[in-house]
Amino acid sequence: MPMRLYSYWRSSAAYRVRIALNLKGLPYETVSVSLAPGVAEHRADAYRAINPQMLVPFLQDGDLGIAQSMAILEYLEETYPEVPLLPADEPLRSMVRGFCNLIACDIHPLNNLRVQQYLRDELGADEKTGKDWYDHWIHEGFAALEKLAGDGPCAFGETPSLADALLVPQMYNARRFDVPVEPFPKLLRIVDACNELAAFRKAAPEQQPDAP
């Protein structure tokens, strides 16, 4: 029985996991959970019973259910090591982890949908303030990533790693919200190279079954 990935087409966290599953060649079934305003399937009792945090992604592999994208990615790496997405040796292994956590812990949480909605609905931020907030944290994070990334076609070498699986969705979001990304030529080159690969193209939001 293939793994089951609870996902939303525009969720960058779910996008990361799709990339990793594709790179590893692991079959999975997508279960769409709409986060769209007015639909909010993630807040329904049926999904709350599966994932009490009511977020995507959520991965089911047999009897095991895992929330949080980084926990899912670590699980896939440890359980299905045939196509490794972490370098075998140090210091690269820890460098990739640090790169991933900069995105997953420092950039993404400040800019995700819940934060944007809270800024608008609870703190009264207007559209410009919300956009300035988003742009600021993208630029803060990308400036560091630009210095950390290597000179290969991928973020840390010749083949994709977890670093690329996180960078590509974050760049997708930056472009979606019209953040100026020209100051980050290395990141742009890496993303363009990765998006030439079938595993990344298949994981793209527009290719998902719940995309409009």
N, C-alpha and C. Protein backbone atom coordinates (compact mmCIF):
# COMPACT_ATOMS: atom_id res chain seq x y z
N MET A 1 0.85 -1.20 0.00
CA MET A 1 0.00 0.00 0.00
C MET A 1 0.88 1.24 0.00
N PRO A 2 0.67 2.16 -0.94
CA PRO A 2 1.52 3.36 -0.99
C PRO A 2 1.28 4.27 0.20
N MET A 3 2.26 5.10 0.48
CA MET A 3 2.08 6.11 1.50
C MET A 3 0.99 7.09 1.09
N ARG A 4 0.43 7.73 2.10
CA ARG A 4 -0.64 8.69 1.87
C ARG A 4 -0.17 10.05 2.37
N LEU A 5 -0.18 11.03 1.47
CA LEU A 5 0.25 12.38 1.82
C LEU A 5 -0.94 13.32 1.81
N TYR A 6 -1.29 13.82 2.98
CA TYR A 6 -2.33 14.85 3.08
C TYR A 6 -1.67 16.18 2.71
N SER A 7 -2.25 16.83 1.71
CA SER A 7 -1.54 17.93 1.07
C SER A 7 -2.53 18.98 0.57
N TYR A 8 -2.00 20.17 0.36
CA TYR A 8 -2.74 21.24 -0.32
C TYR A 8 -1.82 21.79 -1.39
N TRP A 9 -2.35 22.04 -2.56
CA TRP A 9 -1.51 22.32 -3.72
C TRP A 9 -0.58 23.50 -3.51
N ARG A 10 -1.02 24.51 -2.74
CA ARG A 10 -0.21 25.71 -2.55
C ARG A 10 0.62 25.69 -1.27
N SER A 11 0.51 24.65 -0.50
CA SER A 11 1.30 24.57 0.74
C SER A 11 2.76 24.32 0.40
N SER A 12 3.63 25.25 0.78
CA SER A 12 5.06 25.06 0.48
C SER A 12 5.65 23.94 1.33
N ALA A 13 5.10 23.72 2.52
CA ALA A 13 5.59 22.63 3.36
C ALA A 13 5.26 21.28 2.73
N ALA A 14 4.05 21.16 2.19
CA ALA A 14 3.69 19.92 1.48
C ALA A 14 4.51 19.78 0.19
N TYR A 15 4.78 20.87 -0.48
CA TYR A 15 5.60 20.90 -1.69
C TYR A 15 6.97 20.29 -1.39
N ARG A 16 7.58 20.62 -0.26
CA ARG A 16 8.88 20.05 0.12
C ARG A 16 8.82 18.53 0.15
N VAL A 17 7.77 18.03 0.78
CA VAL A 17 7.65 16.58 0.95
C VAL A 17 7.41 15.91 -0.40
N ARG A 18 6.60 16.52 -1.24
CA ARG A 18 6.38 15.94 -2.58
C ARG A 18 7.69 15.83 -3.34
N ILE A 19 8.52 16.86 -3.26
CA ILE A 19 9.81 16.81 -3.94
C ILE A 19 10.63 15.64 -3.43
N ALA A 20 10.72 15.51 -2.11
CA ALA A 20 11.53 14.43 -1.53
C ALA A 20 11.00 13.06 -1.92
N LEU A 21 9.70 12.87 -1.85
CA LEU A 21 9.12 11.59 -2.26
C LEU A 21 9.45 11.28 -3.71
N ASN A 22 9.35 12.29 -4.57
CA ASN A 22 9.65 12.08 -5.99
C ASN A 22 11.13 11.78 -6.21
N LEU A 23 12.00 12.52 -5.54
CA LEU A 23 13.44 12.28 -5.70
C LEU A 23 13.81 10.86 -5.26
N LYS A 24 13.15 10.37 -4.22
CA LYS A 24 13.43 9.03 -3.72
C LYS A 24 12.70 7.94 -4.51
N GLY A 25 11.82 8.36 -5.40
CA GLY A 25 11.08 7.38 -6.20
C GLY A 25 10.07 6.59 -5.41
N LEU A 26 9.51 7.19 -4.36
CA LEU A 26 8.56 6.49 -3.49
C LEU A 26 7.13 6.78 -3.94
N PRO A 27 6.35 5.74 -4.19
CA PRO A 27 4.96 5.97 -4.59
C PRO A 27 4.14 6.48 -3.42
N TYR A 28 3.21 7.37 -3.69
CA TYR A 28 2.35 7.90 -2.64
C TYR A 28 1.03 8.35 -3.25
N GLU A 29 0.03 8.33 -2.41
CA GLU A 29 -1.30 8.80 -2.79
C GLU A 29 -1.51 10.18 -2.17
N THR A 30 -1.98 11.13 -2.97
CA THR A 30 -2.26 12.47 -2.47
C THR A 30 -3.70 12.55 -1.98
N VAL A 31 -3.86 12.99 -0.75
CA VAL A 31 -5.19 13.27 -0.20
C VAL A 31 -5.29 14.78 -0.04
N SER A 32 -6.14 15.40 -0.81
CA SER A 32 -6.24 16.85 -0.82
C SER A 32 -7.00 17.35 0.40
N VAL A 33 -6.40 18.34 1.07
CA VAL A 33 -7.03 18.99 2.22
C VAL A 33 -6.99 20.49 1.93
N SER A 34 -8.13 21.05 1.59
CA SER A 34 -8.16 22.45 1.17
C SER A 34 -7.95 23.39 2.35
N LEU A 35 -7.01 24.32 2.18
CA LEU A 35 -6.80 25.39 3.15
C LEU A 35 -7.48 26.69 2.71
N ALA A 36 -8.18 26.63 1.60
CA ALA A 36 -8.75 27.84 1.01
C ALA A 36 -9.76 28.49 1.95
N PRO A 37 -9.74 29.83 2.06
CA PRO A 37 -10.72 30.53 2.88
C PRO A 37 -12.14 30.16 2.45
N GLY A 38 -12.99 29.93 3.44
CA GLY A 38 -14.37 29.55 3.14
C GLY A 38 -14.56 28.06 2.96
N VAL A 39 -13.45 27.33 2.80
CA VAL A 39 -13.52 25.87 2.68
C VAL A 39 -12.90 25.25 3.93
N ALA A 40 -11.62 25.51 4.13
CA ALA A 40 -10.90 25.16 5.37
C ALA A 40 -11.14 23.72 5.82
N GLU A 41 -10.90 22.79 4.91
CA GLU A 41 -11.09 21.38 5.26
C GLU A 41 -10.15 20.94 6.39
N HIS A 42 -9.04 21.65 6.53
CA HIS A 42 -8.09 21.27 7.59
C HIS A 42 -8.66 21.50 8.98
N ARG A 43 -9.71 22.29 9.10
CA ARG A 43 -10.31 22.56 10.41
C ARG A 43 -11.53 21.68 10.68
N ALA A 44 -11.88 20.84 9.75
CA ALA A 44 -13.03 19.95 9.94
C ALA A 44 -12.67 18.84 10.93
N ASP A 45 -13.69 18.32 11.59
CA ASP A 45 -13.47 17.29 12.59
C ASP A 45 -12.78 16.06 12.01
N ALA A 46 -13.11 15.73 10.77
CA ALA A 46 -12.53 14.52 10.16
C ALA A 46 -11.02 14.64 10.05
N TYR A 47 -10.52 15.81 9.66
CA TYR A 47 -9.08 15.96 9.55
C TYR A 47 -8.44 16.20 10.91
N ARG A 48 -9.13 16.89 11.79
CA ARG A 48 -8.60 17.11 13.14
C ARG A 48 -8.33 15.77 13.84
N ALA A 49 -9.17 14.76 13.55
CA ALA A 49 -8.97 13.45 14.15
C ALA A 49 -7.71 12.78 13.64
N ILE A 50 -7.28 13.16 12.44
CA ILE A 50 -6.05 12.61 11.86
C ILE A 50 -4.84 13.38 12.35
N ASN A 51 -4.93 14.72 12.28
CA ASN A 51 -3.83 15.58 12.69
C ASN A 51 -4.37 16.69 13.60
N PRO A 52 -4.21 16.55 14.90
CA PRO A 52 -4.78 17.53 15.83
C PRO A 52 -4.29 18.96 15.60
N GLN A 53 -3.11 19.13 14.97
CA GLN A 53 -2.63 20.48 14.71
C GLN A 53 -3.35 21.13 13.55
N MET A 54 -4.03 20.33 12.76
CA MET A 54 -4.86 20.81 11.64
C MET A 54 -4.04 21.56 10.59
N LEU A 55 -2.86 21.04 10.30
CA LEU A 55 -2.00 21.61 9.27
C LEU A 55 -1.64 20.53 8.26
N VAL A 56 -1.16 20.94 7.11
CA VAL A 56 -0.56 20.02 6.16
C VAL A 56 0.91 20.42 6.01
N PRO A 57 1.75 19.43 5.66
CA PRO A 57 1.44 18.06 5.27
C PRO A 57 1.29 17.14 6.48
N PHE A 58 0.73 15.98 6.20
CA PHE A 58 0.68 14.87 7.15
C PHE A 58 0.89 13.62 6.33
N LEU A 59 1.82 12.78 6.77
CA LEU A 59 2.17 11.57 6.03
C LEU A 59 1.75 10.34 6.80
N GLN A 60 1.05 9.44 6.13
CA GLN A 60 0.75 8.13 6.69
C GLN A 60 1.53 7.07 5.92
N ASP A 61 2.30 6.29 6.65
CA ASP A 61 3.05 5.18 6.08
C ASP A 61 2.69 3.95 6.89
N GLY A 62 1.77 3.16 6.37
CA GLY A 62 1.25 2.05 7.15
C GLY A 62 0.51 2.56 8.37
N ASP A 63 0.88 2.07 9.53
CA ASP A 63 0.22 2.48 10.77
C ASP A 63 0.82 3.75 11.36
N LEU A 64 1.87 4.26 10.76
CA LEU A 64 2.56 5.43 11.29
C LEU A 64 2.05 6.71 10.65
N GLY A 65 1.72 7.70 11.45
CA GLY A 65 1.33 9.01 10.95
C GLY A 65 2.28 10.07 11.47
N ILE A 66 2.73 10.96 10.59
CA ILE A 66 3.74 11.95 10.96
C ILE A 66 3.28 13.34 10.50
N ALA A 67 3.30 14.29 11.42
CA ALA A 67 3.06 15.68 11.10
C ALA A 67 4.39 16.41 11.02
N GLN A 68 4.35 17.64 10.52
CA GLN A 68 5.51 18.52 10.41
C GLN A 68 6.47 18.06 9.30
N SER A 69 6.67 18.94 8.34
CA SER A 69 7.43 18.56 7.13
C SER A 69 8.85 18.12 7.44
N MET A 70 9.53 18.79 8.37
CA MET A 70 10.91 18.40 8.64
C MET A 70 10.98 17.02 9.30
N ALA A 71 10.02 16.71 10.17
CA ALA A 71 9.98 15.36 10.74
C ALA A 71 9.71 14.32 9.67
N ILE A 72 8.84 14.65 8.73
CA ILE A 72 8.54 13.74 7.62
C ILE A 72 9.79 13.51 6.77
N LEU A 73 10.50 14.59 6.45
CA LEU A 73 11.70 14.46 5.61
C LEU A 73 12.77 13.64 6.31
N GLU A 74 12.96 13.84 7.60
CA GLU A 74 13.94 13.05 8.35
C GLU A 74 13.52 11.58 8.38
N TYR A 75 12.23 11.33 8.55
CA TYR A 75 11.73 9.96 8.53
C TYR A 75 12.00 9.29 7.19
N LEU A 76 11.70 9.98 6.11
CA LEU A 76 11.94 9.41 4.79
C LEU A 76 13.43 9.11 4.58
N GLU A 77 14.27 10.01 5.06
CA GLU A 77 15.71 9.83 4.89
C GLU A 77 16.21 8.62 5.68
N GLU A 78 15.69 8.42 6.86
CA GLU A 78 16.15 7.32 7.70
C GLU A 78 15.53 5.98 7.30
N THR A 79 14.30 6.01 6.81
CA THR A 79 13.58 4.77 6.52
C THR A 79 13.78 4.29 5.10
N TYR A 80 14.01 5.24 4.18
CA TYR A 80 14.19 4.91 2.77
C TYR A 80 15.49 5.54 2.27
N PRO A 81 16.64 4.99 2.71
CA PRO A 81 17.93 5.63 2.44
C PRO A 81 18.53 5.32 1.07
N GLU A 82 17.82 4.57 0.25
CA GLU A 82 18.42 4.13 -1.01
C GLU A 82 18.81 5.31 -1.91
N VAL A 83 17.99 6.36 -1.91
CA VAL A 83 18.34 7.61 -2.61
C VAL A 83 18.53 8.67 -1.53
N PRO A 84 19.76 8.88 -1.08
CA PRO A 84 19.97 9.80 0.04
C PRO A 84 19.80 11.25 -0.37
N LEU A 85 19.18 12.02 0.53
CA LEU A 85 19.01 13.46 0.31
C LEU A 85 19.78 14.28 1.33
N LEU A 86 20.56 13.60 2.16
CA LEU A 86 21.53 14.25 3.03
C LEU A 86 22.91 13.73 2.67
N PRO A 87 23.92 14.60 2.57
CA PRO A 87 25.27 14.13 2.29
C PRO A 87 25.72 13.11 3.33
N ALA A 88 26.57 12.19 2.91
CA ALA A 88 27.02 11.12 3.81
C ALA A 88 27.98 11.64 4.87
N ASP A 89 28.74 12.66 4.55
CA ASP A 89 29.83 13.08 5.42
C ASP A 89 29.64 14.51 5.93
N GLU A 90 30.31 14.76 7.05
CA GLU A 90 30.40 16.11 7.59
C GLU A 90 31.58 16.84 6.94
N PRO A 91 31.53 18.16 6.82
CA PRO A 91 30.52 19.05 7.40
C PRO A 91 29.30 19.27 6.52
N LEU A 92 29.29 18.70 5.31
CA LEU A 92 28.18 18.98 4.40
C LEU A 92 26.84 18.55 4.98
N ARG A 93 26.83 17.45 5.68
CA ARG A 93 25.57 16.94 6.22
C ARG A 93 24.92 17.98 7.14
N SER A 94 25.71 18.53 8.04
CA SER A 94 25.17 19.54 8.95
C SER A 94 24.90 20.86 8.23
N MET A 95 25.68 21.17 7.21
CA MET A 95 25.43 22.39 6.45
C MET A 95 24.07 22.33 5.75
N VAL A 96 23.73 21.17 5.19
CA VAL A 96 22.43 21.00 4.55
C VAL A 96 21.31 21.14 5.58
N ARG A 97 21.50 20.53 6.74
CA ARG A 97 20.49 20.65 7.79
C ARG A 97 20.31 22.11 8.22
N GLY A 98 21.40 22.83 8.37
CA GLY A 98 21.30 24.22 8.75
C GLY A 98 20.59 25.06 7.71
N PHE A 99 20.88 24.81 6.43
CA PHE A 99 20.23 25.50 5.33
C PHE A 99 18.72 25.25 5.37
N CYS A 100 18.35 23.98 5.59
CA CYS A 100 16.93 23.62 5.66
C CYS A 100 16.23 24.31 6.82
N ASN A 101 16.88 24.32 7.96
CA ASN A 101 16.24 24.90 9.13
C ASN A 101 16.13 26.41 9.04
N LEU A 102 17.04 27.05 8.32
CA LEU A 102 16.91 28.49 8.11
C LEU A 102 15.59 28.78 7.39
N ILE A 103 15.24 27.93 6.44
CA ILE A 103 13.98 28.12 5.72
C ILE A 103 12.80 27.70 6.58
N ALA A 104 12.89 26.49 7.14
CA ALA A 104 11.74 25.91 7.84
C ALA A 104 11.44 26.61 9.16
N CYS A 105 12.46 27.14 9.82
CA CYS A 105 12.27 27.73 11.15
C CYS A 105 12.28 29.25 11.16
N ASP A 106 13.02 29.87 10.24
CA ASP A 106 13.20 31.32 10.30
C ASP A 106 12.41 32.09 9.24
N ILE A 107 12.27 31.53 8.04
CA ILE A 107 11.56 32.25 6.97
C ILE A 107 10.09 31.86 6.95
N HIS A 108 9.83 30.60 6.75
CA HIS A 108 8.47 30.13 6.51
C HIS A 108 7.48 30.45 7.63
N PRO A 109 7.82 30.21 8.91
CA PRO A 109 6.82 30.45 9.95
C PRO A 109 6.37 31.90 10.06
N LEU A 110 7.24 32.84 9.69
CA LEU A 110 6.88 34.25 9.79
C LEU A 110 5.99 34.71 8.65
N ASN A 111 5.92 33.91 7.60
CA ASN A 111 5.21 34.36 6.40
C ASN A 111 4.07 33.44 5.98
N ASN A 112 3.77 32.43 6.79
CA ASN A 112 2.74 31.50 6.32
C ASN A 112 1.34 32.11 6.43
N LEU A 113 0.37 31.37 5.94
CA LEU A 113 -0.98 31.90 5.82
C LEU A 113 -1.55 32.34 7.16
N ARG A 114 -1.32 31.56 8.22
CA ARG A 114 -1.87 31.91 9.52
C ARG A 114 -1.33 33.24 10.03
N VAL A 115 -0.04 33.47 9.81
CA VAL A 115 0.57 34.71 10.26
C VAL A 115 0.03 35.89 9.45
N GLN A 116 -0.07 35.71 8.12
CA GLN A 116 -0.61 36.78 7.29
C GLN A 116 -2.04 37.15 7.69
N GLN A 117 -2.83 36.13 7.97
CA GLN A 117 -4.22 36.39 8.37
C GLN A 117 -4.28 37.09 9.73
N TYR A 118 -3.41 36.71 10.65
CA TYR A 118 -3.40 37.34 11.97
C TYR A 118 -2.98 38.80 11.88
N LEU A 119 -1.96 39.06 11.07
CA LEU A 119 -1.52 40.44 10.88
C LEU A 119 -2.66 41.31 10.36
N ARG A 120 -3.43 40.75 9.42
CA ARG A 120 -4.51 41.52 8.81
C ARG A 120 -5.73 41.62 9.72
N ASP A 121 -6.18 40.47 10.23
CA ASP A 121 -7.48 40.43 10.91
C ASP A 121 -7.40 40.85 12.37
N GLU A 122 -6.31 40.54 13.05
CA GLU A 122 -6.21 40.82 14.48
C GLU A 122 -5.40 42.08 14.79
N LEU A 123 -4.38 42.35 13.97
CA LEU A 123 -3.52 43.50 14.24
C LEU A 123 -3.80 44.68 13.32
N GLY A 124 -4.72 44.49 12.37
CA GLY A 124 -5.15 45.59 11.52
C GLY A 124 -4.14 46.03 10.49
N ALA A 125 -3.22 45.16 10.12
CA ALA A 125 -2.22 45.52 9.10
C ALA A 125 -2.89 45.70 7.75
N ASP A 126 -2.55 46.79 7.07
CA ASP A 126 -3.09 46.99 5.73
C ASP A 126 -2.26 46.19 4.73
N GLU A 127 -2.66 46.25 3.47
CA GLU A 127 -2.01 45.43 2.44
C GLU A 127 -0.52 45.75 2.31
N LYS A 128 -0.17 47.04 2.34
CA LYS A 128 1.23 47.44 2.21
C LYS A 128 2.06 46.93 3.39
N THR A 129 1.52 47.05 4.59
CA THR A 129 2.26 46.58 5.76
C THR A 129 2.49 45.08 5.70
N GLY A 130 1.46 44.34 5.29
CA GLY A 130 1.61 42.90 5.15
C GLY A 130 2.65 42.54 4.10
N LYS A 131 2.66 43.28 2.99
CA LYS A 131 3.63 43.02 1.93
C LYS A 131 5.04 43.36 2.40
N ASP A 132 5.19 44.47 3.10
CA ASP A 132 6.51 44.86 3.61
C ASP A 132 7.04 43.80 4.59
N TRP A 133 6.16 43.30 5.43
CA TRP A 133 6.54 42.24 6.38
C TRP A 133 7.06 41.01 5.62
N TYR A 134 6.29 40.58 4.63
CA TYR A 134 6.66 39.39 3.86
C TYR A 134 8.01 39.60 3.17
N ASP A 135 8.14 40.72 2.48
CA ASP A 135 9.38 40.99 1.75
C ASP A 135 10.59 41.03 2.67
N HIS A 136 10.41 41.64 3.84
CA HIS A 136 11.54 41.79 4.77
C HIS A 136 12.10 40.44 5.17
N TRP A 137 11.23 39.52 5.59
CA TRP A 137 11.73 38.25 6.09
C TRP A 137 12.26 37.36 4.98
N ILE A 138 11.71 37.49 3.77
CA ILE A 138 12.30 36.76 2.64
C ILE A 138 13.71 37.27 2.38
N HIS A 139 13.88 38.57 2.34
CA HIS A 139 15.20 39.13 2.04
C HIS A 139 16.20 38.82 3.14
N GLU A 140 15.78 38.87 4.40
CA GLU A 140 16.67 38.51 5.49
C GLU A 140 17.17 37.08 5.34
N GLY A 141 16.24 36.17 5.08
CA GLY A 141 16.62 34.77 4.95
C GLY A 141 17.39 34.46 3.69
N PHE A 142 16.95 35.00 2.57
CA PHE A 142 17.61 34.71 1.29
C PHE A 142 19.04 35.27 1.26
N ALA A 143 19.26 36.39 1.93
CA ALA A 143 20.61 36.95 1.97
C ALA A 143 21.58 35.97 2.61
N ALA A 144 21.13 35.30 3.68
CA ALA A 144 21.97 34.29 4.32
C ALA A 144 22.11 33.05 3.46
N LEU A 145 21.02 32.59 2.86
CA LEU A 145 21.06 31.40 2.02
C LEU A 145 21.99 31.60 0.82
N GLU A 146 21.99 32.80 0.27
CA GLU A 146 22.85 33.10 -0.88
C GLU A 146 24.31 32.87 -0.53
N LYS A 147 24.70 33.18 0.69
CA LYS A 147 26.09 32.99 1.11
C LYS A 147 26.38 31.54 1.49
N LEU A 148 25.37 30.84 1.96
CA LEU A 148 25.58 29.46 2.43
C LEU A 148 25.61 28.45 1.29
N ALA A 149 24.88 28.72 0.21
CA ALA A 149 24.78 27.75 -0.88
C ALA A 149 26.13 27.58 -1.58
N GLY A 150 26.33 26.38 -2.10
CA GLY A 150 27.56 26.09 -2.82
C GLY A 150 27.52 26.56 -4.25
N ASP A 151 28.52 26.16 -5.03
CA ASP A 151 28.65 26.64 -6.41
C ASP A 151 28.23 25.61 -7.45
N GLY A 152 27.71 24.46 -6.99
CA GLY A 152 27.28 23.45 -7.95
C GLY A 152 25.95 23.79 -8.56
N PRO A 153 25.45 22.93 -9.42
CA PRO A 153 24.13 23.18 -9.99
C PRO A 153 23.03 23.12 -8.94
N CYS A 154 23.26 22.33 -7.87
CA CYS A 154 22.31 22.27 -6.75
C CYS A 154 22.91 23.00 -5.56
N ALA A 155 22.15 23.10 -4.50
CA ALA A 155 22.57 23.93 -3.37
C ALA A 155 23.88 23.44 -2.75
N PHE A 156 24.08 22.13 -2.74
CA PHE A 156 25.30 21.58 -2.14
C PHE A 156 25.85 20.45 -3.00
N GLY A 157 26.17 20.75 -4.23
CA GLY A 157 26.79 19.74 -5.06
C GLY A 157 26.09 19.51 -6.37
N GLU A 158 26.35 18.34 -6.92
CA GLU A 158 25.85 17.99 -8.25
C GLU A 158 24.44 17.42 -8.23
N THR A 159 24.01 16.89 -7.11
CA THR A 159 22.70 16.25 -7.04
C THR A 159 21.84 16.92 -5.97
N PRO A 160 20.52 16.85 -6.12
CA PRO A 160 19.63 17.53 -5.16
C PRO A 160 19.72 16.92 -3.77
N SER A 161 19.56 17.76 -2.79
CA SER A 161 19.50 17.35 -1.39
C SER A 161 18.24 17.94 -0.77
N LEU A 162 18.07 17.71 0.52
CA LEU A 162 16.93 18.32 1.21
C LEU A 162 16.97 19.84 1.12
N ALA A 163 18.18 20.41 1.00
CA ALA A 163 18.29 21.87 0.87
C ALA A 163 17.52 22.36 -0.36
N ASP A 164 17.64 21.66 -1.45
CA ASP A 164 16.94 22.05 -2.68
C ASP A 164 15.43 21.82 -2.54
N ALA A 165 15.06 20.75 -1.82
CA ALA A 165 13.64 20.47 -1.62
C ALA A 165 12.95 21.57 -0.82
N LEU A 166 13.70 22.28 0.02
CA LEU A 166 13.11 23.40 0.75
C LEU A 166 13.26 24.72 0.01
N LEU A 167 14.37 24.91 -0.69
CA LEU A 167 14.59 26.18 -1.37
C LEU A 167 13.60 26.41 -2.50
N VAL A 168 13.34 25.41 -3.30
CA VAL A 168 12.47 25.60 -4.47
C VAL A 168 11.07 26.07 -4.06
N PRO A 169 10.40 25.45 -3.08
CA PRO A 169 9.09 25.98 -2.68
C PRO A 169 9.14 27.39 -2.09
N GLN A 170 10.22 27.70 -1.35
CA GLN A 170 10.31 29.04 -0.78
C GLN A 170 10.50 30.10 -1.86
N MET A 171 11.26 29.76 -2.89
CA MET A 171 11.41 30.69 -4.01
C MET A 171 10.10 30.81 -4.78
N TYR A 172 9.38 29.71 -4.90
CA TYR A 172 8.07 29.76 -5.56
C TYR A 172 7.16 30.76 -4.85
N ASN A 173 7.15 30.69 -3.51
CA ASN A 173 6.32 31.62 -2.75
C ASN A 173 6.78 33.06 -2.91
N ALA A 174 8.09 33.27 -2.91
CA ALA A 174 8.61 34.63 -3.06
C ALA A 174 8.16 35.22 -4.40
N ARG A 175 8.26 34.43 -5.44
CA ARG A 175 7.83 34.91 -6.77
C ARG A 175 6.32 35.12 -6.81
N ARG A 176 5.59 34.24 -6.17
CA ARG A 176 4.13 34.36 -6.14
C ARG A 176 3.70 35.69 -5.53
N PHE A 177 4.42 36.14 -4.51
CA PHE A 177 4.08 37.38 -3.83
C PHE A 177 4.91 38.57 -4.32
N ASP A 178 5.51 38.41 -5.48
CA ASP A 178 6.23 39.51 -6.16
C ASP A 178 7.34 40.10 -5.31
N VAL A 179 8.04 39.25 -4.58
CA VAL A 179 9.21 39.71 -3.83
C VAL A 179 10.38 39.85 -4.81
N PRO A 180 11.08 40.96 -4.83
CA PRO A 180 12.23 41.10 -5.72
C PRO A 180 13.33 40.09 -5.32
N VAL A 181 13.63 39.17 -6.22
CA VAL A 181 14.62 38.14 -5.90
C VAL A 181 15.89 38.26 -6.75
N GLU A 182 15.98 39.33 -7.55
CA GLU A 182 17.16 39.52 -8.39
C GLU A 182 18.46 39.62 -7.58
N PRO A 183 18.44 40.11 -6.33
CA PRO A 183 19.69 40.18 -5.57
C PRO A 183 20.28 38.82 -5.19
N PHE A 184 19.62 37.72 -5.58
CA PHE A 184 20.06 36.40 -5.15
C PHE A 184 20.32 35.49 -6.36
N PRO A 185 21.32 35.83 -7.18
CA PRO A 185 21.55 35.09 -8.43
C PRO A 185 21.91 33.63 -8.20
N LYS A 186 22.62 33.33 -7.12
CA LYS A 186 22.99 31.94 -6.88
C LYS A 186 21.74 31.11 -6.58
N LEU A 187 20.86 31.63 -5.76
CA LEU A 187 19.63 30.91 -5.45
C LEU A 187 18.77 30.73 -6.69
N LEU A 188 18.69 31.76 -7.51
CA LEU A 188 17.91 31.67 -8.74
C LEU A 188 18.48 30.61 -9.67
N ARG A 189 19.80 30.55 -9.78
CA ARG A 189 20.43 29.55 -10.64
C ARG A 189 20.12 28.14 -10.13
N ILE A 190 20.21 27.95 -8.82
CA ILE A 190 19.94 26.63 -8.24
C ILE A 190 18.49 26.22 -8.49
N VAL A 191 17.57 27.13 -8.25
CA VAL A 191 16.14 26.82 -8.44
C VAL A 191 15.85 26.50 -9.91
N ASP A 192 16.42 27.26 -10.82
CA ASP A 192 16.20 26.99 -12.24
C ASP A 192 16.74 25.62 -12.63
N ALA A 193 17.91 25.24 -12.09
CA ALA A 193 18.48 23.93 -12.40
C ALA A 193 17.60 22.81 -11.83
N CYS A 194 17.13 22.98 -10.61
CA CYS A 194 16.28 21.95 -10.01
C CYS A 194 14.97 21.79 -10.77
N ASN A 195 14.40 22.90 -11.22
CA ASN A 195 13.11 22.84 -11.90
C ASN A 195 13.21 22.23 -13.29
N GLU A 196 14.42 21.92 -13.74
CA GLU A 196 14.59 21.14 -14.97
C GLU A 196 14.41 19.65 -14.71
N LEU A 197 14.42 19.24 -13.46
CA LEU A 197 14.34 17.82 -13.11
C LEU A 197 12.89 17.39 -12.94
N ALA A 198 12.59 16.18 -13.38
CA ALA A 198 11.21 15.68 -13.37
C ALA A 198 10.63 15.63 -11.96
N ALA A 199 11.45 15.28 -10.97
CA ALA A 199 10.95 15.18 -9.59
C ALA A 199 10.42 16.51 -9.09
N PHE A 200 11.06 17.59 -9.48
CA PHE A 200 10.62 18.92 -9.06
C PHE A 200 9.41 19.37 -9.88
N ARG A 201 9.44 19.11 -11.17
CA ARG A 201 8.31 19.51 -12.01
C ARG A 201 7.03 18.80 -11.59
N LYS A 202 7.14 17.52 -11.27
CA LYS A 202 5.97 16.74 -10.86
C LYS A 202 5.40 17.24 -9.53
N ALA A 203 6.27 17.79 -8.68
CA ALA A 203 5.84 18.26 -7.36
C ALA A 203 5.28 19.67 -7.39
N ALA A 204 5.39 20.39 -8.50
CA ALA A 204 4.99 21.78 -8.58
C ALA A 204 3.50 21.94 -8.25
N PRO A 205 3.14 23.05 -7.62
CA PRO A 205 1.75 23.25 -7.22
C PRO A 205 0.75 23.07 -8.37
N GLU A 206 1.09 23.61 -9.52
CA GLU A 206 0.13 23.54 -10.65
C GLU A 206 -0.10 22.13 -11.16
N GLN A 207 0.76 21.20 -10.78
CA GLN A 207 0.63 19.81 -11.24
C GLN A 207 -0.16 18.95 -10.26
N GLN A 208 -0.62 19.53 -9.18
CA GLN A 208 -1.31 18.73 -8.16
C GLN A 208 -2.79 18.52 -8.50
N PRO A 209 -3.34 17.41 -8.03
CA PRO A 209 -4.73 17.09 -8.40
C PRO A 209 -5.75 18.09 -7.89
N ASP A 210 -5.43 18.84 -6.83
CA ASP A 210 -6.39 19.81 -6.30
C ASP A 210 -6.13 21.23 -6.80
N ALA A 211 -5.16 21.39 -7.71
CA ALA A 211 -4.93 22.72 -8.28
C ALA A 211 -6.12 23.14 -9.14
N PRO A 212 -6.48 24.41 -9.11
CA PRO A 212 -7.63 24.88 -9.91
C PRO A 212 -7.42 24.66 -11.39
